[in-house]
Amino acid sequence: MASNSRSERLDIRISPSAKRLLQDAADARHKTLSEFVLDTAISAAEKTLADRRLWQLNAEQWSEFMAKLDAPPRRHPRLEKLLQEPSVFDLE
């Protein structure tokens, strides 16, 4: 988590059975209910977003990735033609 400053609130409504379950889990970890819910939610969020920040390749995939980075760029004749045309901003 980027900052330890706790200035924001998050309010949720849950059923009594869900609260008991969360409280039991928090007690098992020797944490308050708020600490347990926050830690668990942050962990789930990090796992959910991990593919946006970190990706892993095996040796074969890494070699293929590096080969594609090192390869000369492919020609795109239509794109080359487009870039040679005057921009609408250049026309008077």
PDB file of N, CA and C in Angstrom:
ATOM      1  N   MET A   1       0.846  -1.171   0.000  1.00  0.00           N
ATOM      2  CA  MET A   1       0.000   0.000   0.000  1.00  0.00           C
ATOM      3  C   MET A   1       0.893   1.236   0.000  1.00  0.00           C
ATOM      4  N   ALA A   2       0.538   2.232  -0.787  1.00  0.00           N
ATOM      5  CA  ALA A   2       1.400   3.394  -0.991  1.00  0.00           C
ATOM      6  C   ALA A   2       1.559   4.231   0.274  1.00  0.00           C
ATOM      7  N   SER A   3       0.500   4.387   1.037  1.00  0.00           N
ATOM      8  CA  SER A   3       0.558   5.269   2.195  1.00  0.00           C
ATOM      9  C   SER A   3      -0.115   4.609   3.383  1.00  0.00           C
ATOM     10  N   ASN A   4       0.416   4.870   4.574  1.00  0.00           N
ATOM     11  CA  ASN A   4      -0.195   4.336   5.785  1.00  0.00           C
ATOM     12  C   ASN A   4      -1.199   5.304   6.385  1.00  0.00           C
ATOM     13  N   SER A   5      -1.354   6.469   5.778  1.00  0.00           N
ATOM     14  CA  SER A   5      -2.297   7.457   6.255  1.00  0.00           C
ATOM     15  C   SER A   5      -3.713   6.932   6.072  1.00  0.00           C
ATOM     16  N   ARG A   6      -4.458   6.902   7.143  1.00  0.00           N
ATOM     17  CA  ARG A   6      -5.827   6.398   7.081  1.00  0.00           C
ATOM     18  C   ARG A   6      -6.798   7.543   7.292  1.00  0.00           C
ATOM     19  N   SER A   7      -7.128   8.203   6.187  1.00  0.00           N
ATOM     20  CA  SER A   7      -8.029   9.344   6.283  1.00  0.00           C
ATOM     21  C   SER A   7      -9.369   9.075   5.595  1.00  0.00           C
ATOM     22  N   GLU A   8      -9.487   7.937   4.911  1.00  0.00           N
ATOM     23  CA  GLU A   8     -10.708   7.608   4.181  1.00  0.00           C
ATOM     24  C   GLU A   8     -11.497   6.528   4.914  1.00  0.00           C
ATOM     25  N   ARG A   9     -12.817   6.556   4.706  1.00  0.00           N
ATOM     26  CA  ARG A   9     -13.688   5.542   5.296  1.00  0.00           C
ATOM     27  C   ARG A   9     -14.301   4.702   4.190  1.00  0.00           C
ATOM     28  N   LEU A  10     -14.615   3.464   4.523  1.00  0.00           N
ATOM     29  CA  LEU A  10     -15.331   2.573   3.632  1.00  0.00           C
ATOM     30  C   LEU A  10     -16.444   1.941   4.455  1.00  0.00           C
ATOM     31  N   ASP A  11     -17.674   2.197   4.071  1.00  0.00           N
ATOM     32  CA  ASP A  11     -18.823   1.656   4.803  1.00  0.00           C
ATOM     33  C   ASP A  11     -19.502   0.604   3.954  1.00  0.00           C
ATOM     34  N   ILE A  12     -19.771  -0.553   4.547  1.00  0.00           N
ATOM     35  CA  ILE A  12     -20.492  -1.613   3.844  1.00  0.00           C
ATOM     36  C   ILE A  12     -21.559  -2.187   4.771  1.00  0.00           C
ATOM     37  N   ARG A  13     -22.576  -2.728   4.172  1.00  0.00           N
ATOM     38  CA  ARG A  13     -23.623  -3.423   4.928  1.00  0.00           C
ATOM     39  C   ARG A  13     -23.475  -4.908   4.638  1.00  0.00           C
ATOM     40  N   ILE A  14     -23.484  -5.709   5.701  1.00  0.00           N
ATOM     41  CA  ILE A  14     -23.373  -7.152   5.538  1.00  0.00           C
ATOM     42  C   ILE A  14     -24.371  -7.835   6.455  1.00  0.00           C
ATOM     43  N   SER A  15     -24.604  -9.095   6.182  1.00  0.00           N
ATOM     44  CA  SER A  15     -25.525  -9.860   7.012  1.00  0.00           C
ATOM     45  C   SER A  15     -24.849 -10.213   8.337  1.00  0.00           C
ATOM     46  N   PRO A  16     -25.661 -10.499   9.367  1.00  0.00           N
ATOM     47  CA  PRO A  16     -25.072 -10.902  10.646  1.00  0.00           C
ATOM     48  C   PRO A  16     -24.197 -12.151  10.522  1.00  0.00           C
ATOM     49  N   SER A  17     -24.594 -13.093   9.674  1.00  0.00           N
ATOM     50  CA  SER A  17     -23.788 -14.314   9.534  1.00  0.00           C
ATOM     51  C   SER A  17     -22.444 -14.014   8.855  1.00  0.00           C
ATOM     52  N   ALA A  18     -22.453 -13.101   7.884  1.00  0.00           N
ATOM     53  CA  ALA A  18     -21.194 -12.719   7.239  1.00  0.00           C
ATOM     54  C   ALA A  18     -20.279 -12.010   8.233  1.00  0.00           C
ATOM     55  N   LYS A  19     -20.861 -11.161   9.081  1.00  0.00           N
ATOM     56  CA  LYS A  19     -20.045 -10.454  10.074  1.00  0.00           C
ATOM     57  C   LYS A  19     -19.451 -11.442  11.070  1.00  0.00           C
ATOM     58  N   ARG A  20     -20.248 -12.432  11.497  1.00  0.00           N
ATOM     59  CA  ARG A  20     -19.723 -13.444  12.421  1.00  0.00           C
ATOM     60  C   ARG A  20     -18.567 -14.212  11.786  1.00  0.00           C
ATOM     61  N   LEU A  21     -18.736 -14.573  10.521  1.00  0.00           N
ATOM     62  CA  LEU A  21     -17.687 -15.307   9.820  1.00  0.00           C
ATOM     63  C   LEU A  21     -16.403 -14.486   9.743  1.00  0.00           C
ATOM     64  N   LEU A  22     -16.535 -13.216   9.371  1.00  0.00           N
ATOM     65  CA  LEU A  22     -15.368 -12.339   9.297  1.00  0.00           C
ATOM     66  C   LEU A  22     -14.739 -12.127  10.667  1.00  0.00           C
ATOM     67  N   GLN A  23     -15.567 -11.973  11.683  1.00  0.00           N
ATOM     68  CA  GLN A  23     -15.048 -11.774  13.033  1.00  0.00           C
ATOM     69  C   GLN A  23     -14.292 -13.013  13.512  1.00  0.00           C
ATOM     70  N   ASP A  24     -14.837 -14.206  13.224  1.00  0.00           N
ATOM     71  CA  ASP A  24     -14.152 -15.445  13.599  1.00  0.00           C
ATOM     72  C   ASP A  24     -12.801 -15.553  12.896  1.00  0.00           C
ATOM     73  N   ALA A  25     -12.774 -15.184  11.621  1.00  0.00           N
ATOM     74  CA  ALA A  25     -11.510 -15.229  10.879  1.00  0.00           C
ATOM     75  C   ALA A  25     -10.520 -14.205  11.431  1.00  0.00           C
ATOM     76  N   ALA A  26     -11.016 -13.029  11.774  1.00  0.00           N
ATOM     77  CA  ALA A  26     -10.151 -11.998  12.358  1.00  0.00           C
ATOM     78  C   ALA A  26      -9.590 -12.470  13.690  1.00  0.00           C
ATOM     79  N   ASP A  27     -10.456 -13.068  14.525  1.00  0.00           N
ATOM     80  CA  ASP A  27      -9.997 -13.587  15.818  1.00  0.00           C
ATOM     81  C   ASP A  27      -8.918 -14.654  15.634  1.00  0.00           C
ATOM     82  N   ALA A  28      -9.089 -15.498  14.615  1.00  0.00           N
ATOM     83  CA  ALA A  28      -8.113 -16.559  14.360  1.00  0.00           C
ATOM     84  C   ALA A  28      -6.758 -15.987  13.979  1.00  0.00           C
ATOM     85  N   ARG A  29      -6.739 -14.803  13.403  1.00  0.00           N
ATOM     86  CA  ARG A  29      -5.494 -14.140  13.010  1.00  0.00           C
ATOM     87  C   ARG A  29      -5.026 -13.130  14.053  1.00  0.00           C
ATOM     88  N   HIS A  30      -5.743 -13.049  15.173  1.00  0.00           N
ATOM     89  CA  HIS A  30      -5.421 -12.096  16.246  1.00  0.00           C
ATOM     90  C   HIS A  30      -5.414 -10.662  15.728  1.00  0.00           C
ATOM     91  N   LYS A  31      -6.439 -10.331  14.936  1.00  0.00           N
ATOM     92  CA  LYS A  31      -6.588  -8.994  14.383  1.00  0.00           C
ATOM     93  C   LYS A  31      -7.978  -8.476  14.709  1.00  0.00           C
ATOM     94  N   THR A  32      -8.107  -7.156  14.647  1.00  0.00           N
ATOM     95  CA  THR A  32      -9.445  -6.595  14.770  1.00  0.00           C
ATOM     96  C   THR A  32     -10.194  -6.902  13.478  1.00  0.00           C
ATOM     97  N   LEU A  33     -11.501  -6.781  13.521  1.00  0.00           N
ATOM     98  CA  LEU A  33     -12.305  -7.016  12.327  1.00  0.00           C
ATOM     99  C   LEU A  33     -11.890  -6.053  11.216  1.00  0.00           C
ATOM    100  N   SER A  34     -11.711  -4.784  11.548  1.00  0.00           N
ATOM    101  CA  SER A  34     -11.302  -3.793  10.544  1.00  0.00           C
ATOM    102  C   SER A  34      -9.948  -4.136   9.935  1.00  0.00           C
ATOM    103  N   GLU A  35      -8.976  -4.513  10.764  1.00  0.00           N
ATOM    104  CA  GLU A  35      -7.652  -4.878  10.257  1.00  0.00           C
ATOM    105  C   GLU A  35      -7.742  -6.067   9.320  1.00  0.00           C
ATOM    106  N   PHE A  36      -8.512  -7.072   9.737  1.00  0.00           N
ATOM    107  CA  PHE A  36      -8.641  -8.282   8.920  1.00  0.00           C
ATOM    108  C   PHE A  36      -9.291  -7.971   7.574  1.00  0.00           C
ATOM    109  N   VAL A  37     -10.393  -7.234   7.591  1.00  0.00           N
ATOM    110  CA  VAL A  37     -11.098  -6.913   6.351  1.00  0.00           C
ATOM    111  C   VAL A  37     -10.211  -6.071   5.440  1.00  0.00           C
ATOM    112  N   LEU A  38      -9.539  -5.071   5.984  1.00  0.00           N
ATOM    113  CA  LEU A  38      -8.663  -4.222   5.183  1.00  0.00           C
ATOM    114  C   LEU A  38      -7.510  -5.022   4.586  1.00  0.00           C
ATOM    115  N   ASP A  39      -6.820  -5.807   5.405  1.00  0.00           N
ATOM    116  CA  ASP A  39      -5.690  -6.605   4.914  1.00  0.00           C
ATOM    117  C   ASP A  39      -6.133  -7.587   3.828  1.00  0.00           C
ATOM    118  N   THR A  40      -7.266  -8.240   4.055  1.00  0.00           N
ATOM    119  CA  THR A  40      -7.761  -9.220   3.096  1.00  0.00           C
ATOM    120  C   THR A  40      -8.194  -8.553   1.794  1.00  0.00           C
ATOM    121  N   ALA A  41      -8.862  -7.414   1.893  1.00  0.00           N
ATOM    122  CA  ALA A  41      -9.305  -6.697   0.695  1.00  0.00           C
ATOM    123  C   ALA A  41      -8.115  -6.190  -0.110  1.00  0.00           C
ATOM    124  N   ILE A  42      -7.107  -5.662   0.569  1.00  0.00           N
ATOM    125  CA  ILE A  42      -5.921  -5.163  -0.136  1.00  0.00           C
ATOM    126  C   ILE A  42      -5.191  -6.311  -0.814  1.00  0.00           C
ATOM    127  N   SER A  43      -5.066  -7.436  -0.135  1.00  0.00           N
ATOM    128  CA  SER A  43      -4.408  -8.601  -0.727  1.00  0.00           C
ATOM    129  C   SER A  43      -5.161  -9.075  -1.971  1.00  0.00           C
ATOM    130  N   ALA A  44      -6.480  -9.132  -1.890  1.00  0.00           N
ATOM    131  CA  ALA A  44      -7.286  -9.549  -3.041  1.00  0.00           C
ATOM    132  C   ALA A  44      -7.149  -8.551  -4.185  1.00  0.00           C
ATOM    133  N   ALA A  45      -7.128  -7.266  -3.876  1.00  0.00           N
ATOM    134  CA  ALA A  45      -6.990  -6.238  -4.911  1.00  0.00           C
ATOM    135  C   ALA A  45      -5.628  -6.344  -5.597  1.00  0.00           C
ATOM    136  N   GLU A  46      -4.574  -6.572  -4.824  1.00  0.00           N
ATOM    137  CA  GLU A  46      -3.239  -6.710  -5.410  1.00  0.00           C
ATOM    138  C   GLU A  46      -3.166  -7.914  -6.333  1.00  0.00           C
ATOM    139  N   LYS A  47      -3.772  -9.033  -5.926  1.00  0.00           N
ATOM    140  CA  LYS A  47      -3.788 -10.228  -6.777  1.00  0.00           C
ATOM    141  C   LYS A  47      -4.599  -9.968  -8.042  1.00  0.00           C
ATOM    142  N   THR A  48      -5.718  -9.286  -7.912  1.00  0.00           N
ATOM    143  CA  THR A  48      -6.575  -8.994  -9.058  1.00  0.00           C
ATOM    144  C   THR A  48      -5.856  -8.121 -10.070  1.00  0.00           C
ATOM    145  N   LEU A  49      -5.070  -7.156  -9.594  1.00  0.00           N
ATOM    146  CA  LEU A  49      -4.408  -6.202 -10.478  1.00  0.00           C
ATOM    147  C   LEU A  49      -2.977  -6.584 -10.839  1.00  0.00           C
ATOM    148  N   ALA A  50      -2.493  -7.715 -10.326  1.00  0.00           N
ATOM    149  CA  ALA A  50      -1.089  -8.093 -10.534  1.00  0.00           C
ATOM    150  C   ALA A  50      -0.727  -8.198 -12.007  1.00  0.00           C
ATOM    151  N   ASP A  51      -1.646  -8.676 -12.836  1.00  0.00           N
ATOM    152  CA  ASP A  51      -1.307  -8.831 -14.248  1.00  0.00           C
ATOM    153  C   ASP A  51      -1.127  -7.499 -14.948  1.00  0.00           C
ATOM    154  N   ARG A  52      -1.526  -6.422 -14.326  1.00  0.00           N
ATOM    155  CA  ARG A  52      -1.319  -5.104 -14.910  1.00  0.00           C
ATOM    156  C   ARG A  52       0.039  -4.527 -14.533  1.00  0.00           C
ATOM    157  N   ARG A  53       0.671  -5.092 -13.528  1.00  0.00           N
ATOM    158  CA  ARG A  53       1.944  -4.554 -13.054  1.00  0.00           C
ATOM    159  C   ARG A  53       3.102  -5.511 -13.249  1.00  0.00           C
ATOM    160  N   LEU A  54       2.825  -6.796 -13.265  1.00  0.00           N
ATOM    161  CA  LEU A  54       3.885  -7.798 -13.290  1.00  0.00           C
ATOM    162  C   LEU A  54       3.466  -8.960 -14.173  1.00  0.00           C
ATOM    163  N   TRP A  55       4.340  -9.357 -15.052  1.00  0.00           N
ATOM    164  CA  TRP A  55       4.076 -10.565 -15.812  1.00  0.00           C
ATOM    165  C   TRP A  55       5.368 -11.348 -15.891  1.00  0.00           C
ATOM    166  N   GLN A  56       5.220 -12.653 -15.907  1.00  0.00           N
ATOM    167  CA  GLN A  56       6.396 -13.514 -15.856  1.00  0.00           C
ATOM    168  C   GLN A  56       6.440 -14.395 -17.099  1.00  0.00           C
ATOM    169  N   LEU A  57       7.656 -14.636 -17.569  1.00  0.00           N
ATOM    170  CA  LEU A  57       7.872 -15.483 -18.728  1.00  0.00           C
ATOM    171  C   LEU A  57       8.867 -16.575 -18.377  1.00  0.00           C
ATOM    172  N   ASN A  58       8.647 -17.761 -18.948  1.00  0.00           N
ATOM    173  CA  ASN A  58       9.655 -18.805 -18.768  1.00  0.00           C
ATOM    174  C   ASN A  58      10.804 -18.506 -19.740  1.00  0.00           C
ATOM    175  N   ALA A  59      11.849 -19.302 -19.717  1.00  0.00           N
ATOM    176  CA  ALA A  59      13.048 -19.030 -20.523  1.00  0.00           C
ATOM    177  C   ALA A  59      12.728 -18.979 -22.011  1.00  0.00           C
ATOM    178  N   GLU A  60      11.898 -19.894 -22.481  1.00  0.00           N
ATOM    179  CA  GLU A  60      11.546 -19.920 -23.903  1.00  0.00           C
ATOM    180  C   GLU A  60      10.743 -18.674 -24.293  1.00  0.00           C
ATOM    181  N   GLN A  61       9.773 -18.310 -23.470  1.00  0.00           N
ATOM    182  CA  GLN A  61       8.972 -17.120 -23.744  1.00  0.00           C
ATOM    183  C   GLN A  61       9.836 -15.862 -23.706  1.00  0.00           C
ATOM    184  N   TRP A  62      10.792 -15.812 -22.769  1.00  0.00           N
ATOM    185  CA  TRP A  62      11.678 -14.648 -22.665  1.00  0.00           C
ATOM    186  C   TRP A  62      12.526 -14.516 -23.925  1.00  0.00           C
ATOM    187  N   SER A  63      13.069 -15.622 -24.408  1.00  0.00           N
ATOM    188  CA  SER A  63      13.885 -15.592 -25.622  1.00  0.00           C
ATOM    189  C   SER A  63      13.064 -15.118 -26.815  1.00  0.00           C
ATOM    190  N   GLU A  64      11.831 -15.605 -26.923  1.00  0.00           N
ATOM    191  CA  GLU A  64      10.959 -15.183 -28.019  1.00  0.00           C
ATOM    192  C   GLU A  64      10.626 -13.689 -27.907  1.00  0.00           C
ATOM    193  N   PHE A  65      10.360 -13.235 -26.692  1.00  0.00           N
ATOM    194  CA  PHE A  65      10.054 -11.828 -26.451  1.00  0.00           C
ATOM    195  C   PHE A  65      11.237 -10.944 -26.847  1.00  0.00           C
ATOM    196  N   MET A  66      12.442 -11.324 -26.420  1.00  0.00           N
ATOM    197  CA  MET A  66      13.638 -10.543 -26.733  1.00  0.00           C
ATOM    198  C   MET A  66      13.917 -10.550 -28.236  1.00  0.00           C
ATOM    199  N   ALA A  67      13.686 -11.683 -28.891  1.00  0.00           N
ATOM    200  CA  ALA A  67      13.901 -11.761 -30.337  1.00  0.00           C
ATOM    201  C   ALA A  67      12.959 -10.807 -31.063  1.00  0.00           C
ATOM    202  N   LYS A  68      11.726 -10.723 -30.604  1.00  0.00           N
ATOM    203  CA  LYS A  68      10.772  -9.809 -31.235  1.00  0.00           C
ATOM    204  C   LYS A  68      11.148  -8.347 -30.977  1.00  0.00           C
ATOM    205  N   LEU A  69      11.673  -8.064 -29.803  1.00  0.00           N
ATOM    206  CA  LEU A  69      12.127  -6.693 -29.530  1.00  0.00           C
ATOM    207  C   LEU A  69      13.326  -6.319 -30.389  1.00  0.00           C
ATOM    208  N   ASP A  70      14.220  -7.288 -30.616  1.00  0.00           N
ATOM    209  CA  ASP A  70      15.436  -7.029 -31.377  1.00  0.00           C
ATOM    210  C   ASP A  70      15.212  -7.055 -32.886  1.00  0.00           C
ATOM    211  N   ALA A  71      14.109  -7.618 -33.328  1.00  0.00           N
ATOM    212  CA  ALA A  71      13.838  -7.731 -34.765  1.00  0.00           C
ATOM    213  C   ALA A  71      13.578  -6.351 -35.365  1.00  0.00           C
ATOM    214  N   PRO A  72      13.933  -6.183 -36.634  1.00  0.00           N
ATOM    215  CA  PRO A  72      13.635  -4.894 -37.274  1.00  0.00           C
ATOM    216  C   PRO A  72      12.120  -4.709 -37.364  1.00  0.00           C
ATOM    217  N   PRO A  73      11.684  -3.469 -37.374  1.00  0.00           N
ATOM    218  CA  PRO A  73      10.235  -3.239 -37.433  1.00  0.00           C
ATOM    219  C   PRO A  73       9.667  -3.710 -38.769  1.00  0.00           C
ATOM    220  N   ARG A  74       8.422  -4.174 -38.711  1.00  0.00           N
ATOM    221  CA  ARG A  74       7.745  -4.576 -39.942  1.00  0.00           C
ATOM    222  C   ARG A  74       7.272  -3.334 -40.678  1.00  0.00           C
ATOM    223  N   ARG A  75       7.262  -3.427 -41.989  1.00  0.00           N
ATOM    224  CA  ARG A  75       6.759  -2.319 -42.807  1.00  0.00           C
ATOM    225  C   ARG A  75       5.239  -2.367 -42.825  1.00  0.00           C
ATOM    226  N   HIS A  76       4.655  -1.195 -42.795  1.00  0.00           N
ATOM    227  CA  HIS A  76       3.208  -1.041 -42.869  1.00  0.00           C
ATOM    228  C   HIS A  76       2.931   0.011 -43.944  1.00  0.00           C
ATOM    229  N   PRO A  77       2.817  -0.419 -45.204  1.00  0.00           N
ATOM    230  CA  PRO A  77       2.666   0.552 -46.304  1.00  0.00           C
ATOM    231  C   PRO A  77       1.506   1.526 -46.112  1.00  0.00           C
ATOM    232  N   ARG A  78       0.384   1.065 -45.614  1.00  0.00           N
ATOM    233  CA  ARG A  78      -0.746   1.971 -45.426  1.00  0.00           C
ATOM    234  C   ARG A  78      -0.430   3.038 -44.378  1.00  0.00           C
ATOM    235  N   LEU A  79       0.256   2.640 -43.319  1.00  0.00           N
ATOM    236  CA  LEU A  79       0.641   3.602 -42.293  1.00  0.00           C
ATOM    237  C   LEU A  79       1.676   4.583 -42.836  1.00  0.00           C
ATOM    238  N   GLU A  80       2.635   4.074 -43.621  1.00  0.00           N
ATOM    239  CA  GLU A  80       3.635   4.955 -44.229  1.00  0.00           C
ATOM    240  C   GLU A  80       2.954   5.990 -45.120  1.00  0.00           C
ATOM    241  N   LYS A  81       1.978   5.548 -45.913  1.00  0.00           N
ATOM    242  CA  LYS A  81       1.258   6.467 -46.797  1.00  0.00           C
ATOM    243  C   LYS A  81       0.511   7.523 -45.980  1.00  0.00           C
ATOM    244  N   LEU A  82      -0.146   7.068 -44.926  1.00  0.00           N
ATOM    245  CA  LEU A  82      -0.890   7.998 -44.081  1.00  0.00           C
ATOM    246  C   LEU A  82       0.027   9.056 -43.482  1.00  0.00           C
ATOM    247  N   LEU A  83       1.192   8.655 -43.030  1.00  0.00           N
ATOM    248  CA  LEU A  83       2.115   9.593 -42.393  1.00  0.00           C
ATOM    249  C   LEU A  83       2.750  10.558 -43.395  1.00  0.00           C
ATOM    250  N   GLN A  84       2.698  10.229 -44.661  1.00  0.00           N
ATOM    251  CA  GLN A  84       3.245  11.125 -45.685  1.00  0.00           C
ATOM    252  C   GLN A  84       2.223  12.162 -46.143  1.00  0.00           C
ATOM    253  N   GLU A  85       0.957  11.931 -45.861  1.00  0.00           N
ATOM    254  CA  GLU A  85      -0.089  12.875 -46.244  1.00  0.00           C
ATOM    255  C   GLU A  85      -0.066  14.075 -45.304  1.00  0.00           C
ATOM    256  N   PRO A  86      -0.445  15.261 -45.814  1.00  0.00           N
ATOM    257  CA  PRO A  86      -0.485  16.426 -44.928  1.00  0.00           C
ATOM    258  C   PRO A  86      -1.561  16.251 -43.858  1.00  0.00           C
ATOM    259  N   SER A  87      -1.288  16.762 -42.705  1.00  0.00           N
ATOM    260  CA  SER A  87      -2.236  16.701 -41.596  1.00  0.00           C
ATOM    261  C   SER A  87      -3.373  17.677 -41.840  1.00  0.00           C
ATOM    262  N   VAL A  88      -4.541  17.373 -41.312  1.00  0.00           N
ATOM    263  CA  VAL A  88      -5.666  18.309 -41.418  1.00  0.00           C
ATOM    264  C   VAL A  88      -5.328  19.613 -40.709  1.00  0.00           C
ATOM    265  N   PHE A  89      -4.410  19.568 -39.779  1.00  0.00           N
ATOM    266  CA  PHE A  89      -4.004  20.766 -39.053  1.00  0.00           C
ATOM    267  C   PHE A  89      -3.045  21.623 -39.884  1.00  0.00           C
ATOM    268  N   ASP A  90      -2.402  21.002 -40.880  1.00  0.00           N
ATOM    269  CA  ASP A  90      -1.478  21.728 -41.732  1.00  0.00           C
ATOM    270  C   ASP A  90      -2.181  22.384 -42.913  1.00  0.00           C
ATOM    271  N   LEU A  91      -3.373  21.927 -43.237  1.00  0.00           N
ATOM    272  CA  LEU A  91      -4.110  22.475 -44.375  1.00  0.00           C
ATOM    273  C   LEU A  91      -4.717  23.823 -44.022  1.00  0.00           C
ATOM    274  N   GLU A  92      -4.708  24.730 -44.986  1.00  0.00           N
ATOM    275  CA  GLU A  92      -5.311  26.044 -44.731  1.00  0.00           C
ATOM    276  C   GLU A  92      -6.435  26.287 -45.687  1.00  0.00           C
TER     277      GLU A  92
END
